[in-house]
Structures are given as C-alpha cells and as structure tokens.
Amino acid sequence: KPAESKCKGCKEVNYCTRNCQKTHWKRHKNECKLLPYKVEKSAELGRFLVATRDIKKGDAIFKEAPLVLGPVAQTLPVCLACYELVDGTY
C-alpha cells in the first residue's frame, strides 16, 4: 500500500497506515519536530540544540535521570567504606 499518510508533527516521515505510524512512534518521537529542539552539528561548534518551536519561560526541554545517586545527607558525615563518623579531615 502506498505510504500516503505523513507524521503530523514533522511531516517528514510517511506511513501506509495509522497502525504503522503508532508502531513506529516509539523510535520516531526522538527525531520528530514535536520536540522543542533538534540536534544540529557544525564543524566549528560541534553538536548543539536548536529550538524547533517557540519555547516559553519555564518549559521543560528534556528530562534526564541522574548519573549518580549518593546517600541522603540527613545524618552526621560518615566514611562511605566503613560508616565510621568523620570530622572532615583526611
């Protein structure tokens, strides 16, 4: 069947059926212009983000999980190896 249906967001990807579009959305949503930004590349600047639509003050552009989680600092400082109290000196 001819792929006559286009993505409503970016209008750059064609689909033969609505079901195919739904199936592909998990991969396509990271590239679609519905996102407030796209990644560009320049020999002079390297990789950078460019807005694909007006972004209002306070809008979240992307969310990212933390790389590292540490202990909650609601106790006295302790050594992370043996959990003995420390006074800040080495």
C-alpha atoms as a PDB file:
ATOM      1  CA  LYS A   1       0.000   0.000   0.000  1.00  0.00           C
ATOM      2  CA  PRO A   2       1.383   3.452  -0.822  1.00  0.00           C
ATOM      3  CA  ALA A   3       2.652   5.436   2.161  1.00  0.00           C
ATOM      4  CA  GLU A   4       0.425   8.468   1.771  1.00  0.00           C
ATOM      5  CA  SER A   5      -0.021   9.412   5.446  1.00  0.00           C
ATOM      6  CA  LYS A   6       2.576  11.756   6.984  1.00  0.00           C
ATOM      7  CA  CYS A   7       3.623  12.386  10.571  1.00  0.00           C
ATOM      8  CA  LYS A   8       1.519  15.295  11.841  1.00  0.00           C
ATOM      9  CA  GLY A   9       4.460  16.738  13.780  1.00  0.00           C
ATOM     10  CA  CYS A  10       7.362  16.852  11.343  1.00  0.00           C
ATOM     11  CA  LYS A  11       5.635  15.957   8.061  1.00  0.00           C
ATOM     12  CA  GLU A  12       8.893  14.252   7.024  1.00  0.00           C
ATOM     13  CA  VAL A  13       8.042  10.564   7.607  1.00  0.00           C
ATOM     14  CA  ASN A  14       5.428   8.691   5.571  1.00  0.00           C
ATOM     15  CA  TYR A  15       3.274   5.765   6.713  1.00  0.00           C
ATOM     16  CA  CYS A  16       0.976   3.352   4.896  1.00  0.00           C
ATOM     17  CA  THR A  17      -1.485   3.044   7.812  1.00  0.00           C
ATOM     18  CA  ARG A  18      -2.253   4.653  11.160  1.00  0.00           C
ATOM     19  CA  ASN A  19      -1.253   1.385  12.850  1.00  0.00           C
ATOM     20  CA  CYS A  20       2.227   1.546  11.268  1.00  0.00           C
ATOM     21  CA  GLN A  21       2.571   5.131  12.489  1.00  0.00           C
ATOM     22  CA  LYS A  22       1.672   4.128  16.061  1.00  0.00           C
ATOM     23  CA  THR A  23       4.146   1.246  15.940  1.00  0.00           C
ATOM     24  CA  HIS A  24       6.966   3.474  14.658  1.00  0.00           C
ATOM     25  CA  TRP A  25       6.270   6.338  17.104  1.00  0.00           C
ATOM     26  CA  LYS A  26       8.475   4.881  19.879  1.00  0.00           C
ATOM     27  CA  ARG A  27      11.513   5.344  17.636  1.00  0.00           C
ATOM     28  CA  HIS A  28      10.351   8.407  15.707  1.00  0.00           C
ATOM     29  CA  LYS A  29       9.394  10.580  18.697  1.00  0.00           C
ATOM     30  CA  ASN A  30      13.079  11.228  19.449  1.00  0.00           C
ATOM     31  CA  GLU A  31      13.547  12.737  15.986  1.00  0.00           C
ATOM     32  CA  CYS A  32      10.155  14.370  15.439  1.00  0.00           C
ATOM     33  CA  LYS A  33       9.804  18.153  15.429  1.00  0.00           C
ATOM     34  CA  LEU A  34       7.094  17.870  18.061  1.00  0.00           C
ATOM     35  CA  LEU A  35      10.069  18.013  20.393  1.00  0.00           C
ATOM     36  CA  PRO A  36      11.047  21.567  21.295  1.00  0.00           C
ATOM     37  CA  TYR A  37      14.566  21.041  19.929  1.00  0.00           C
ATOM     38  CA  LYS A  38      16.650  19.211  17.370  1.00  0.00           C
ATOM     39  CA  VAL A  39      20.324  18.296  17.460  1.00  0.00           C
ATOM     40  CA  GLU A  40      22.482  20.002  14.845  1.00  0.00           C
ATOM     41  CA  LYS A  41      26.157  19.541  14.079  1.00  0.00           C
ATOM     42  CA  SER A  42      28.737  22.086  12.969  1.00  0.00           C
ATOM     43  CA  ALA A  43      32.458  21.743  12.229  1.00  0.00           C
ATOM     44  CA  GLU A  44      33.038  24.986  14.126  1.00  0.00           C
ATOM     45  CA  LEU A  45      30.670  24.496  17.102  1.00  0.00           C
ATOM     46  CA  GLY A  46      30.285  20.718  17.386  1.00  0.00           C
ATOM     47  CA  ARG A  47      26.861  19.388  18.396  1.00  0.00           C
ATOM     48  CA  PHE A  48      24.236  21.829  19.674  1.00  0.00           C
ATOM     49  CA  LEU A  49      20.488  22.150  20.211  1.00  0.00           C
ATOM     50  CA  VAL A  50      18.231  24.314  18.047  1.00  0.00           C
ATOM     51  CA  ALA A  51      14.664  25.192  19.026  1.00  0.00           C
ATOM     52  CA  THR A  52      12.030  23.766  16.658  1.00  0.00           C
ATOM     53  CA  ARG A  53       9.215  25.860  18.103  1.00  0.00           C
ATOM     54  CA  ASP A  54       8.730  28.771  20.487  1.00  0.00           C
ATOM     55  CA  ILE A  55       9.751  27.743  23.998  1.00  0.00           C
ATOM     56  CA  LYS A  56       8.071  29.543  26.865  1.00  0.00           C
ATOM     57  CA  LYS A  57       9.896  30.534  30.026  1.00  0.00           C
ATOM     58  CA  GLY A  58       9.793  27.606  32.434  1.00  0.00           C
ATOM     59  CA  ASP A  59       9.070  24.929  29.780  1.00  0.00           C
ATOM     60  CA  ALA A  60      10.926  21.657  30.296  1.00  0.00           C
ATOM     61  CA  ILE A  61      13.066  20.970  27.228  1.00  0.00           C
ATOM     62  CA  PHE A  62      14.179  17.488  28.263  1.00  0.00           C
ATOM     63  CA  LYS A  63      14.337  15.345  31.368  1.00  0.00           C
ATOM     64  CA  GLU A  64      17.267  13.182  32.267  1.00  0.00           C
ATOM     65  CA  ALA A  65      17.812  10.633  35.018  1.00  0.00           C
ATOM     66  CA  PRO A  66      20.756  11.353  37.331  1.00  0.00           C
ATOM     67  CA  LEU A  67      24.037   9.646  36.513  1.00  0.00           C
ATOM     68  CA  VAL A  68      24.909   9.019  40.169  1.00  0.00           C
ATOM     69  CA  LEU A  69      22.884   8.916  43.382  1.00  0.00           C
ATOM     70  CA  GLY A  70      24.536   9.436  46.737  1.00  0.00           C
ATOM     71  CA  PRO A  71      23.486   8.919  50.327  1.00  0.00           C
ATOM     72  CA  VAL A  72      20.955  11.302  51.824  1.00  0.00           C
ATOM     73  CA  ALA A  73      22.825  13.865  53.925  1.00  0.00           C
ATOM     74  CA  GLN A  74      20.427  13.830  56.886  1.00  0.00           C
ATOM     75  CA  THR A  75      22.960  12.270  59.251  1.00  0.00           C
ATOM     76  CA  LEU A  76      26.362  13.182  60.546  1.00  0.00           C
ATOM     77  CA  PRO A  77      29.143  12.723  57.962  1.00  0.00           C
ATOM     78  CA  VAL A  78      30.376   9.122  57.824  1.00  0.00           C
ATOM     79  CA  CYS A  79      33.040   7.232  55.892  1.00  0.00           C
ATOM     80  CA  LEU A  80      31.355   5.593  52.890  1.00  0.00           C
ATOM     81  CA  ALA A  81      33.537   2.494  53.245  1.00  0.00           C
ATOM     82  CA  CYS A  82      33.192   1.678  56.975  1.00  0.00           C
ATOM     83  CA  TYR A  83      30.428   4.099  58.073  1.00  0.00           C
ATOM     84  CA  GLU A  84      32.503   5.475  60.977  1.00  0.00           C
ATOM     85  CA  LEU A  85      31.854   9.095  61.893  1.00  0.00           C
ATOM     86  CA  VAL A  86      34.301  11.501  60.250  1.00  0.00           C
ATOM     87  CA  ASP A  87      35.312  15.023  61.255  1.00  0.00           C
ATOM     88  CA  GLY A  88      36.200  16.296  57.763  1.00  0.00           C
ATOM     89  CA  THR A  89      39.954  15.716  57.974  1.00  0.00           C
ATOM     90  CA  TYR A  90      41.784  13.158  55.895  1.00  0.00           C
END
